[in-house]
Amino acid sequence: THFKVTPPLRTQTDIDALIDGVKDGTIDMVTSDHN
């Protein structure tokens, strides 16, 4: 249940796109989403 988060963990395809978004500035910031 440590891995039960929202939004949920997605697929490797999503991770790759998110990392690309971080690198090109589409995604402005990262967060720990500490809860």
Full PDB file with SEQRES, HELIX, SHEET, SSBOND, CRYST1, ORIGX, SCALE, CONECT and MASTER records, all heavy atoms in Angstrom:
SEQRES   1 A   35  THR HIS PHE LYS VAL THR PRO PRO LEU ARG THR GLN THR          
SEQRES   2 A   35  ASP ILE ASP ALA LEU ILE ASP GLY VAL LYS ASP GLY THR          
SEQRES   3 A   35  ILE ASP MET VAL THR SER ASP HIS ASN                          
HELIX    1 AA1 GLN A   12  ASP A   24  1                                  13    
CRYST1    1.000    1.000    1.000  90.00  90.00  90.00 P 1           1          
ORIGX1      1.000000  0.000000  0.000000        0.00000                         
ORIGX2      0.000000  1.000000  0.000000        0.00000                         
ORIGX3      0.000000  0.000000  1.000000        0.00000                         
SCALE1      1.000000  0.000000  0.000000        0.00000                         
SCALE2      0.000000  1.000000  0.000000        0.00000                         
SCALE3      0.000000  0.000000  1.000000        0.00000                         
ATOM      1  N   THR A   1       0.805  -1.226   0.000  1.00  0.00           N  
ATOM      2  CA  THR A   1       0.000   0.000   0.000  1.00  0.00           C  
ATOM      3  C   THR A   1       0.836   1.274   0.000  1.00  0.00           C  
ATOM      4  O   THR A   1       0.300   2.366  -0.217  1.00  0.00           O  
ATOM      5  CB  THR A   1      -0.956   0.025   1.207  1.00  0.00           C  
ATOM      6  OG1 THR A   1      -0.187  -0.054   2.416  1.00  0.00           O  
ATOM      7  CG2 THR A   1      -1.941  -1.132   1.147  1.00  0.00           C  
ATOM      8  N   HIS A   2       2.162   1.177   0.242  1.00  0.00           N  
ATOM      9  CA  HIS A   2       3.022   2.357   0.096  1.00  0.00           C  
ATOM     10  C   HIS A   2       2.961   2.891  -1.334  1.00  0.00           C  
ATOM     11  O   HIS A   2       3.195   4.076  -1.579  1.00  0.00           O  
ATOM     12  CB  HIS A   2       4.480   2.017   0.428  1.00  0.00           C  
ATOM     13  CG  HIS A   2       4.751   1.850   1.895  1.00  0.00           C  
ATOM     14  ND1 HIS A   2       3.869   2.253   2.862  1.00  0.00           N  
ATOM     15  CD2 HIS A   2       5.826   1.324   2.553  1.00  0.00           C  
ATOM     16  CE1 HIS A   2       4.374   1.986   4.059  1.00  0.00           C  
ATOM     17  NE2 HIS A   2       5.552   1.425   3.895  1.00  0.00           N  
ATOM     18  N   PHE A   3       2.645   1.996  -2.291  1.00  0.00           N  
ATOM     19  CA  PHE A   3       2.604   2.380  -3.699  1.00  0.00           C  
ATOM     20  C   PHE A   3       1.211   2.829  -4.142  1.00  0.00           C  
ATOM     21  O   PHE A   3       1.004   3.107  -5.321  1.00  0.00           O  
ATOM     22  CB  PHE A   3       3.072   1.216  -4.580  1.00  0.00           C  
ATOM     23  CG  PHE A   3       4.532   0.892  -4.429  1.00  0.00           C  
ATOM     24  CD1 PHE A   3       4.951  -0.037  -3.491  1.00  0.00           C  
ATOM     25  CD2 PHE A   3       5.490   1.523  -5.194  1.00  0.00           C  
ATOM     26  CE1 PHE A   3       6.296  -0.341  -3.332  1.00  0.00           C  
ATOM     27  CE2 PHE A   3       6.838   1.242  -5.043  1.00  0.00           C  
ATOM     28  CZ  PHE A   3       7.252   0.298  -4.112  1.00  0.00           C  
ATOM     29  N   LYS A   4       0.284   2.923  -3.195  1.00  0.00           N  
ATOM     30  CA  LYS A   4      -1.054   3.407  -3.537  1.00  0.00           C  
ATOM     31  C   LYS A   4      -1.067   4.928  -3.432  1.00  0.00           C  
ATOM     32  O   LYS A   4      -1.104   5.499  -2.336  1.00  0.00           O  
ATOM     33  CB  LYS A   4      -2.122   2.801  -2.627  1.00  0.00           C  
ATOM     34  CG  LYS A   4      -3.540   3.162  -3.087  1.00  0.00           C  
ATOM     35  CD  LYS A   4      -4.612   2.519  -2.225  1.00  0.00           C  
ATOM     36  CE  LYS A   4      -6.004   2.889  -2.740  1.00  0.00           C  
ATOM     37  NZ  LYS A   4      -7.085   2.333  -1.887  1.00  0.00           N  
ATOM     38  N   VAL A   5      -0.984   5.565  -4.576  1.00  0.00           N  
ATOM     39  CA  VAL A   5      -0.908   7.026  -4.647  1.00  0.00           C  
ATOM     40  C   VAL A   5      -1.899   7.519  -5.693  1.00  0.00           C  
ATOM     41  O   VAL A   5      -2.398   6.746  -6.512  1.00  0.00           O  
ATOM     42  CB  VAL A   5       0.518   7.492  -5.021  1.00  0.00           C  
ATOM     43  CG1 VAL A   5       1.504   7.217  -3.899  1.00  0.00           C  
ATOM     44  CG2 VAL A   5       1.002   6.828  -6.325  1.00  0.00           C  
ATOM     45  N   THR A   6      -2.176   8.807  -5.641  1.00  0.00           N  
ATOM     46  CA  THR A   6      -3.034   9.422  -6.650  1.00  0.00           C  
ATOM     47  C   THR A   6      -2.408  10.727  -7.125  1.00  0.00           C  
ATOM     48  O   THR A   6      -2.005  11.534  -6.278  1.00  0.00           O  
ATOM     49  CB  THR A   6      -4.468   9.638  -6.115  1.00  0.00           C  
ATOM     50  OG1 THR A   6      -5.278  10.194  -7.144  1.00  0.00           O  
ATOM     51  CG2 THR A   6      -4.500  10.562  -4.904  1.00  0.00           C  
ATOM     52  N   PRO A   7      -2.253  10.943  -8.424  1.00  0.00           N  
ATOM     53  CA  PRO A   7      -2.602  10.019  -9.494  1.00  0.00           C  
ATOM     54  C   PRO A   7      -1.802   8.723  -9.375  1.00  0.00           C  
ATOM     55  O   PRO A   7      -0.722   8.704  -8.788  1.00  0.00           O  
ATOM     56  CB  PRO A   7      -2.221  10.783 -10.769  1.00  0.00           C  
ATOM     57  CG  PRO A   7      -1.175  11.750 -10.327  1.00  0.00           C  
ATOM     58  CD  PRO A   7      -1.557  12.151  -8.939  1.00  0.00           C  
ATOM     59  N   PRO A   8      -2.333   7.645  -9.959  1.00  0.00           N  
ATOM     60  CA  PRO A   8      -1.658   6.352  -9.794  1.00  0.00           C  
ATOM     61  C   PRO A   8      -0.362   6.263 -10.587  1.00  0.00           C  
ATOM     62  O   PRO A   8      -0.115   7.059 -11.494  1.00  0.00           O  
ATOM     63  CB  PRO A   8      -2.695   5.363 -10.335  1.00  0.00           C  
ATOM     64  CG  PRO A   8      -3.495   6.155 -11.321  1.00  0.00           C  
ATOM     65  CD  PRO A   8      -3.557   7.549 -10.766  1.00  0.00           C  
ATOM     66  N   LEU A   9       0.469   5.314 -10.216  1.00  0.00           N  
ATOM     67  CA  LEU A   9       1.651   4.998 -11.019  1.00  0.00           C  
ATOM     68  C   LEU A   9       1.185   4.495 -12.373  1.00  0.00           C  
ATOM     69  O   LEU A   9       0.258   3.674 -12.455  1.00  0.00           O  
ATOM     70  CB  LEU A   9       2.495   3.942 -10.301  1.00  0.00           C  
ATOM     71  CG  LEU A   9       2.924   4.292  -8.868  1.00  0.00           C  
ATOM     72  CD1 LEU A   9       3.644   3.100  -8.224  1.00  0.00           C  
ATOM     73  CD2 LEU A   9       3.802   5.529  -8.841  1.00  0.00           C  
ATOM     74  N   ARG A  10       1.790   4.977 -13.433  1.00  0.00           N  
ATOM     75  CA  ARG A  10       1.332   4.648 -14.785  1.00  0.00           C  
ATOM     76  C   ARG A  10       2.295   3.665 -15.467  1.00  0.00           C  
ATOM     77  O   ARG A  10       2.821   2.763 -14.833  1.00  0.00           O  
ATOM     78  CB  ARG A  10       1.177   5.936 -15.590  1.00  0.00           C  
ATOM     79  CG  ARG A  10       0.214   6.961 -14.999  1.00  0.00           C  
ATOM     80  CD  ARG A  10      -1.239   6.579 -15.121  1.00  0.00           C  
ATOM     81  NE  ARG A  10      -2.127   7.669 -14.697  1.00  0.00           N  
ATOM     82  CZ  ARG A  10      -3.445   7.589 -14.651  1.00  0.00           C  
ATOM     83  NH1 ARG A  10      -4.052   6.465 -14.996  1.00  0.00           N  
ATOM     84  NH2 ARG A  10      -4.184   8.614 -14.253  1.00  0.00           N  
ATOM     85  N   THR A  11       2.559   3.860 -16.754  1.00  0.00           N  
ATOM     86  CA  THR A  11       3.371   2.925 -17.537  1.00  0.00           C  
ATOM     87  C   THR A  11       4.735   3.529 -17.852  1.00  0.00           C  
ATOM     88  O   THR A  11       4.960   4.727 -17.660  1.00  0.00           O  
ATOM     89  CB  THR A  11       2.668   2.594 -18.861  1.00  0.00           C  
ATOM     90  OG1 THR A  11       2.650   3.783 -19.676  1.00  0.00           O  
ATOM     91  CG2 THR A  11       1.240   2.112 -18.625  1.00  0.00           C  
ATOM     92  N   GLN A  12       5.626   2.705 -18.388  1.00  0.00           N  
ATOM     93  CA  GLN A  12       6.947   3.206 -18.766  1.00  0.00           C  
ATOM     94  C   GLN A  12       6.837   4.245 -19.876  1.00  0.00           C  
ATOM     95  O   GLN A  12       7.602   5.214 -19.917  1.00  0.00           O  
ATOM     96  CB  GLN A  12       7.851   2.055 -19.211  1.00  0.00           C  
ATOM     97  CG  GLN A  12       9.305   2.453 -19.396  1.00  0.00           C  
ATOM     98  CD  GLN A  12       9.930   2.996 -18.117  1.00  0.00           C  
ATOM     99  OE1 GLN A  12       9.855   2.367 -17.059  1.00  0.00           O  
ATOM    100  NE2 GLN A  12      10.562   4.169 -18.189  1.00  0.00           N  
ATOM    101  N   THR A  13       5.873   4.076 -20.776  1.00  0.00           N  
ATOM    102  CA  THR A  13       5.651   5.068 -21.833  1.00  0.00           C  
ATOM    103  C   THR A  13       5.319   6.427 -21.227  1.00  0.00           C  
ATOM    104  O   THR A  13       5.817   7.471 -21.681  1.00  0.00           O  
ATOM    105  CB  THR A  13       4.497   4.617 -22.758  1.00  0.00           C  
ATOM    106  OG1 THR A  13       4.854   3.367 -23.361  1.00  0.00           O  
ATOM    107  CG2 THR A  13       4.226   5.643 -23.848  1.00  0.00           C  
ATOM    108  N   ASP A  14       4.483   6.417 -20.183  1.00  0.00           N  
ATOM    109  CA  ASP A  14       4.144   7.668 -19.502  1.00  0.00           C  
ATOM    110  C   ASP A  14       5.368   8.268 -18.818  1.00  0.00           C  
ATOM    111  O   ASP A  14       5.609   9.477 -18.901  1.00  0.00           O  
ATOM    112  CB  ASP A  14       3.038   7.419 -18.467  1.00  0.00           C  
ATOM    113  CG  ASP A  14       1.719   7.037 -19.108  1.00  0.00           C  
ATOM    114  OD1 ASP A  14       1.268   7.758 -20.007  1.00  0.00           O  
ATOM    115  OD2 ASP A  14       1.137   6.003 -18.716  1.00  0.00           O  
ATOM    116  N   ILE A  15       6.147   7.428 -18.136  1.00  0.00           N  
ATOM    117  CA  ILE A  15       7.352   7.916 -17.455  1.00  0.00           C  
ATOM    118  C   ILE A  15       8.304   8.569 -18.454  1.00  0.00           C  
ATOM    119  O   ILE A  15       8.837   9.657 -18.203  1.00  0.00           O  
ATOM    120  CB  ILE A  15       8.058   6.775 -16.699  1.00  0.00           C  
ATOM    121  CG1 ILE A  15       7.245   6.369 -15.465  1.00  0.00           C  
ATOM    122  CG2 ILE A  15       9.471   7.186 -16.286  1.00  0.00           C  
ATOM    123  CD1 ILE A  15       7.843   5.233 -14.668  1.00  0.00           C  
ATOM    124  N   ASP A  16       8.504   7.927 -19.584  1.00  0.00           N  
ATOM    125  CA  ASP A  16       9.408   8.473 -20.605  1.00  0.00           C  
ATOM    126  C   ASP A  16       8.927   9.844 -21.083  1.00  0.00           C  
ATOM    127  O   ASP A  16       9.730  10.781 -21.251  1.00  0.00           O  
ATOM    128  CB  ASP A  16       9.508   7.513 -21.798  1.00  0.00           C  
ATOM    129  CG  ASP A  16      10.216   6.206 -21.443  1.00  0.00           C  
ATOM    130  OD1 ASP A  16      10.904   6.164 -20.398  1.00  0.00           O  
ATOM    131  OD2 ASP A  16      10.057   5.231 -22.194  1.00  0.00           O  
ATOM    132  N   ALA A  17       7.616   9.977 -21.280  1.00  0.00           N  
ATOM    133  CA  ALA A  17       7.057  11.263 -21.726  1.00  0.00           C  
ATOM    134  C   ALA A  17       7.166  12.317 -20.631  1.00  0.00           C  
ATOM    135  O   ALA A  17       7.441  13.493 -20.912  1.00  0.00           O  
ATOM    136  CB  ALA A  17       5.597  11.079 -22.137  1.00  0.00           C  
ATOM    137  N   LEU A  18       6.953  11.924 -19.388  1.00  0.00           N  
ATOM    138  CA  LEU A  18       7.082  12.859 -18.266  1.00  0.00           C  
ATOM    139  C   LEU A  18       8.518  13.360 -18.138  1.00  0.00           C  
ATOM    140  O   LEU A  18       8.753  14.562 -17.930  1.00  0.00           O  
ATOM    141  CB  LEU A  18       6.638  12.175 -16.963  1.00  0.00           C  
ATOM    142  CG  LEU A  18       5.139  11.890 -16.817  1.00  0.00           C  
ATOM    143  CD1 LEU A  18       4.891  10.905 -15.689  1.00  0.00           C  
ATOM    144  CD2 LEU A  18       4.352  13.177 -16.586  1.00  0.00           C  
ATOM    145  N   ILE A  19       9.475  12.454 -18.271  1.00  0.00           N  
ATOM    146  CA  ILE A  19      10.891  12.853 -18.181  1.00  0.00           C  
ATOM    147  C   ILE A  19      11.243  13.803 -19.330  1.00  0.00           C  
ATOM    148  O   ILE A  19      11.934  14.814 -19.131  1.00  0.00           O  
ATOM    149  CB  ILE A  19      11.805  11.615 -18.163  1.00  0.00           C  
ATOM    150  CG1 ILE A  19      11.648  10.885 -16.822  1.00  0.00           C  
ATOM    151  CG2 ILE A  19      13.268  12.007 -18.385  1.00  0.00           C  
ATOM    152  CD1 ILE A  19      12.381   9.560 -16.732  1.00  0.00           C  
ATOM    153  N   ASP A  20      10.735  13.512 -20.533  1.00  0.00           N  
ATOM    154  CA  ASP A  20      10.946  14.425 -21.656  1.00  0.00           C  
ATOM    155  C   ASP A  20      10.322  15.791 -21.363  1.00  0.00           C  
ATOM    156  O   ASP A  20      10.908  16.841 -21.683  1.00  0.00           O  
ATOM    157  CB  ASP A  20      10.335  13.848 -22.940  1.00  0.00           C  
ATOM    158  CG  ASP A  20      11.156  12.703 -23.522  1.00  0.00           C  
ATOM    159  OD1 ASP A  20      12.327  12.550 -23.111  1.00  0.00           O  
ATOM    160  OD2 ASP A  20      10.619  11.952 -24.362  1.00  0.00           O  
ATOM    161  N   GLY A  21       9.143  15.780 -20.736  1.00  0.00           N  
ATOM    162  CA  GLY A  21       8.476  17.026 -20.385  1.00  0.00           C  
ATOM    163  C   GLY A  21       9.239  17.831 -19.356  1.00  0.00           C  
ATOM    164  O   GLY A  21       9.260  19.067 -19.405  1.00  0.00           O  
ATOM    165  N   VAL A  22       9.879  17.137 -18.427  1.00  0.00           N  
ATOM    166  CA  VAL A  22      10.734  17.806 -17.447  1.00  0.00           C  
ATOM    167  C   VAL A  22      11.938  18.438 -18.149  1.00  0.00           C  
ATOM    168  O   VAL A  22      12.303  19.589 -17.896  1.00  0.00           O  
ATOM    169  CB  VAL A  22      11.199  16.810 -16.357  1.00  0.00           C  
ATOM    170  CG1 VAL A  22      12.322  17.413 -15.526  1.00  0.00           C  
ATOM    171  CG2 VAL A  22      10.034  16.422 -15.462  1.00  0.00           C  
ATOM    172  N   LYS A  23      12.535  17.686 -19.040  1.00  0.00           N  
ATOM    173  CA  LYS A  23      13.758  18.150 -19.702  1.00  0.00           C  
ATOM    174  C   LYS A  23      13.502  19.333 -20.631  1.00  0.00           C  
ATOM    175  O   LYS A  23      14.355  20.226 -20.743  1.00  0.00           O  
ATOM    176  CB  LYS A  23      14.402  16.993 -20.483  1.00  0.00           C  
ATOM    177  CG  LYS A  23      15.048  15.939 -19.582  1.00  0.00           C  
ATOM    178  CD  LYS A  23      15.641  14.800 -20.394  1.00  0.00           C  
ATOM    179  CE  LYS A  23      16.369  13.795 -19.494  1.00  0.00           C  
ATOM    180  NZ  LYS A  23      16.892  12.646 -20.259  1.00  0.00           N  
ATOM    181  N   ASP A  24      12.346  19.352 -21.297  1.00  0.00           N  
ATOM    182  CA  ASP A  24      12.120  20.456 -22.248  1.00  0.00           C  
ATOM    183  C   ASP A  24      11.356  21.628 -21.623  1.00  0.00           C  
ATOM    184  O   ASP A  24      11.054  22.613 -22.299  1.00  0.00           O  
ATOM    185  CB  ASP A  24      11.419  19.961 -23.520  1.00  0.00           C  
ATOM    186  CG  ASP A  24       9.962  19.546 -23.330  1.00  0.00           C  
ATOM    187  OD1 ASP A  24       9.359  19.879 -22.297  1.00  0.00           O  
ATOM    188  OD2 ASP A  24       9.414  18.871 -24.240  1.00  0.00           O  
ATOM    189  N   GLY A  25      11.048  21.526 -20.319  1.00  0.00           N  
ATOM    190  CA  GLY A  25      10.424  22.645 -19.623  1.00  0.00           C  
ATOM    191  C   GLY A  25       8.913  22.666 -19.668  1.00  0.00           C  
ATOM    192  O   GLY A  25       8.288  23.574 -19.097  1.00  0.00           O  
ATOM    193  N   THR A  26       8.293  21.684 -20.340  1.00  0.00           N  
ATOM    194  CA  THR A  26       6.826  21.620 -20.329  1.00  0.00           C  
ATOM    195  C   THR A  26       6.329  21.446 -18.898  1.00  0.00           C  
ATOM    196  O   THR A  26       5.360  22.083 -18.472  1.00  0.00           O  
ATOM    197  CB  THR A  26       6.327  20.446 -21.201  1.00  0.00           C  
ATOM    198  OG1 THR A  26       6.753  20.648 -22.545  1.00  0.00           O  
ATOM    199  CG2 THR A  26       4.814  20.346 -21.163  1.00  0.00           C  
ATOM    200  N   ILE A  27       7.003  20.573 -18.147  1.00  0.00           N  
ATOM    201  CA  ILE A  27       6.707  20.391 -16.724  1.00  0.00           C  
ATOM    202  C   ILE A  27       7.587  21.362 -15.954  1.00  0.00           C  
ATOM    203  O   ILE A  27       8.811  21.311 -16.034  1.00  0.00           O  
ATOM    204  CB  ILE A  27       6.945  18.936 -16.285  1.00  0.00           C  
ATOM    205  CG1 ILE A  27       5.979  18.007 -17.039  1.00  0.00           C  
ATOM    206  CG2 ILE A  27       6.772  18.780 -14.779  1.00  0.00           C  
ATOM    207  CD1 ILE A  27       6.210  16.536 -16.789  1.00  0.00           C  
ATOM    208  N   ASP A  28       6.970  22.251 -15.193  1.00  0.00           N  
ATOM    209  CA  ASP A  28       7.680  23.372 -14.578  1.00  0.00           C  
ATOM    210  C   ASP A  28       8.442  22.998 -13.322  1.00  0.00           C  
ATOM    211  O   ASP A  28       9.438  23.641 -12.988  1.00  0.00           O  
ATOM    212  CB  ASP A  28       6.684  24.480 -14.239  1.00  0.00           C  
ATOM    213  CG  ASP A  28       5.962  24.979 -15.477  1.00  0.00           C  
ATOM    214  OD1 ASP A  28       4.934  24.387 -15.844  1.00  0.00           O  
ATOM    215  OD2 ASP A  28       6.441  25.948 -16.077  1.00  0.00           O  
ATOM    216  N   MET A  29       7.958  21.993 -12.593  1.00  0.00           N  
ATOM    217  CA  MET A  29       8.590  21.666 -11.310  1.00  0.00           C  
ATOM    218  C   MET A  29       8.280  20.233 -10.919  1.00  0.00           C  
ATOM    219  O   MET A  29       7.323  19.629 -11.416  1.00  0.00           O  
ATOM    220  CB  MET A  29       8.117  22.638 -10.219  1.00  0.00           C  
ATOM    221  CG  MET A  29       6.643  22.601  -9.957  1.00  0.00           C  
ATOM    222  SD  MET A  29       6.000  24.083  -9.110  1.00  0.00           S  
ATOM    223  CE  MET A  29       5.717  25.210 -10.479  1.00  0.00           C  
ATOM    224  N   VAL A  30       9.118  19.683 -10.057  1.00  0.00           N  
ATOM    225  CA  VAL A  30       8.844  18.382  -9.453  1.00  0.00           C  
ATOM    226  C   VAL A  30       8.441  18.616  -7.999  1.00  0.00           C  
ATOM    227  O   VAL A  30       8.767  19.633  -7.396  1.00  0.00           O  
ATOM    228  CB  VAL A  30      10.067  17.442  -9.519  1.00  0.00           C  
ATOM    229  CG1 VAL A  30      10.453  17.148 -10.951  1.00  0.00           C  
ATOM    230  CG2 VAL A  30      11.240  18.012  -8.729  1.00  0.00           C  
ATOM    231  N   THR A  31       7.711  17.671  -7.440  1.00  0.00           N  
ATOM    232  CA  THR A  31       7.318  17.740  -6.045  1.00  0.00           C  
ATOM    233  C   THR A  31       7.444  16.369  -5.404  1.00  0.00           C  
ATOM    234  O   THR A  31       7.264  15.339  -6.077  1.00  0.00           O  
ATOM    235  CB  THR A  31       5.866  18.245  -5.892  1.00  0.00           C  
ATOM    236  OG1 THR A  31       5.468  18.134  -4.519  1.00  0.00           O  
ATOM    237  CG2 THR A  31       4.897  17.438  -6.739  1.00  0.00           C  
ATOM    238  N   SER A  32       7.746  16.355  -4.117  1.00  0.00           N  
ATOM    239  CA  SER A  32       7.726  15.083  -3.379  1.00  0.00           C  
ATOM    240  C   SER A  32       6.283  14.624  -3.185  1.00  0.00           C  
ATOM    241  O   SER A  32       6.034  13.451  -2.937  1.00  0.00           O  
ATOM    242  CB  SER A  32       8.387  15.258  -2.009  1.00  0.00           C  
ATOM    243  OG  SER A  32       7.602  16.090  -1.170  1.00  0.00           O  
ATOM    244  N   ASP A  33       5.316  15.563  -3.290  1.00  0.00           N  
ATOM    245  CA  ASP A  33       3.907  15.311  -2.965  1.00  0.00           C  
ATOM    246  C   ASP A  33       3.807  14.603  -1.609  1.00  0.00           C  
ATOM    247  O   ASP A  33       3.076  13.629  -1.438  1.00  0.00           O  
ATOM    248  CB  ASP A  33       3.223  14.493  -4.061  1.00  0.00           C  
ATOM    249  CG  ASP A  33       1.712  14.695  -4.070  1.00  0.00           C  
ATOM    250  OD1 ASP A  33       1.248  15.711  -3.525  1.00  0.00           O  
ATOM    251  OD2 ASP A  33       0.997  13.833  -4.614  1.00  0.00           O  
ATOM    252  N   HIS A  34       4.561  15.129  -0.652  1.00  0.00           N  
ATOM    253  CA  HIS A  34       4.711  14.555   0.690  1.00  0.00           C  
ATOM    254  C   HIS A  34       3.362  14.528   1.400  1.00  0.00           C  
ATOM    255  O   HIS A  34       2.770  15.573   1.677  1.00  0.00           O  
ATOM    256  CB  HIS A  34       5.710  15.427   1.459  1.00  0.00           C  
ATOM    257  CG  HIS A  34       6.016  14.983   2.846  1.00  0.00           C  
ATOM    258  ND1 HIS A  34       6.944  13.999   3.129  1.00  0.00           N  
ATOM    259  CD2 HIS A  34       5.538  15.400   4.049  1.00  0.00           C  
ATOM    260  CE1 HIS A  34       7.036  13.840   4.432  1.00  0.00           C  
ATOM    261  NE2 HIS A  34       6.183  14.675   5.020  1.00  0.00           N  
ATOM    262  N   ASN A  35       2.853  13.330   1.696  1.00  0.00           N  
ATOM    263  CA  ASN A  35       1.532  13.188   2.307  1.00  0.00           C  
ATOM    264  C   ASN A  35       1.565  12.102   3.377  1.00  0.00           C  
ATOM    265  O   ASN A  35       1.328  10.928   3.085  1.00  0.00           O  
ATOM    266  CB  ASN A  35       0.489  12.868   1.238  1.00  0.00           C  
ATOM    267  CG  ASN A  35      -0.921  12.880   1.786  1.00  0.00           C  
ATOM    268  OD1 ASN A  35      -1.173  13.321   2.903  1.00  0.00           O  
ATOM    269  ND2 ASN A  35      -1.859  12.380   1.003  1.00  0.00           N  
TER     270      ASN A  35                                                      
MASTER        0    0    0    1    0    0    0    6  269    1    0    3          
END                                                                             
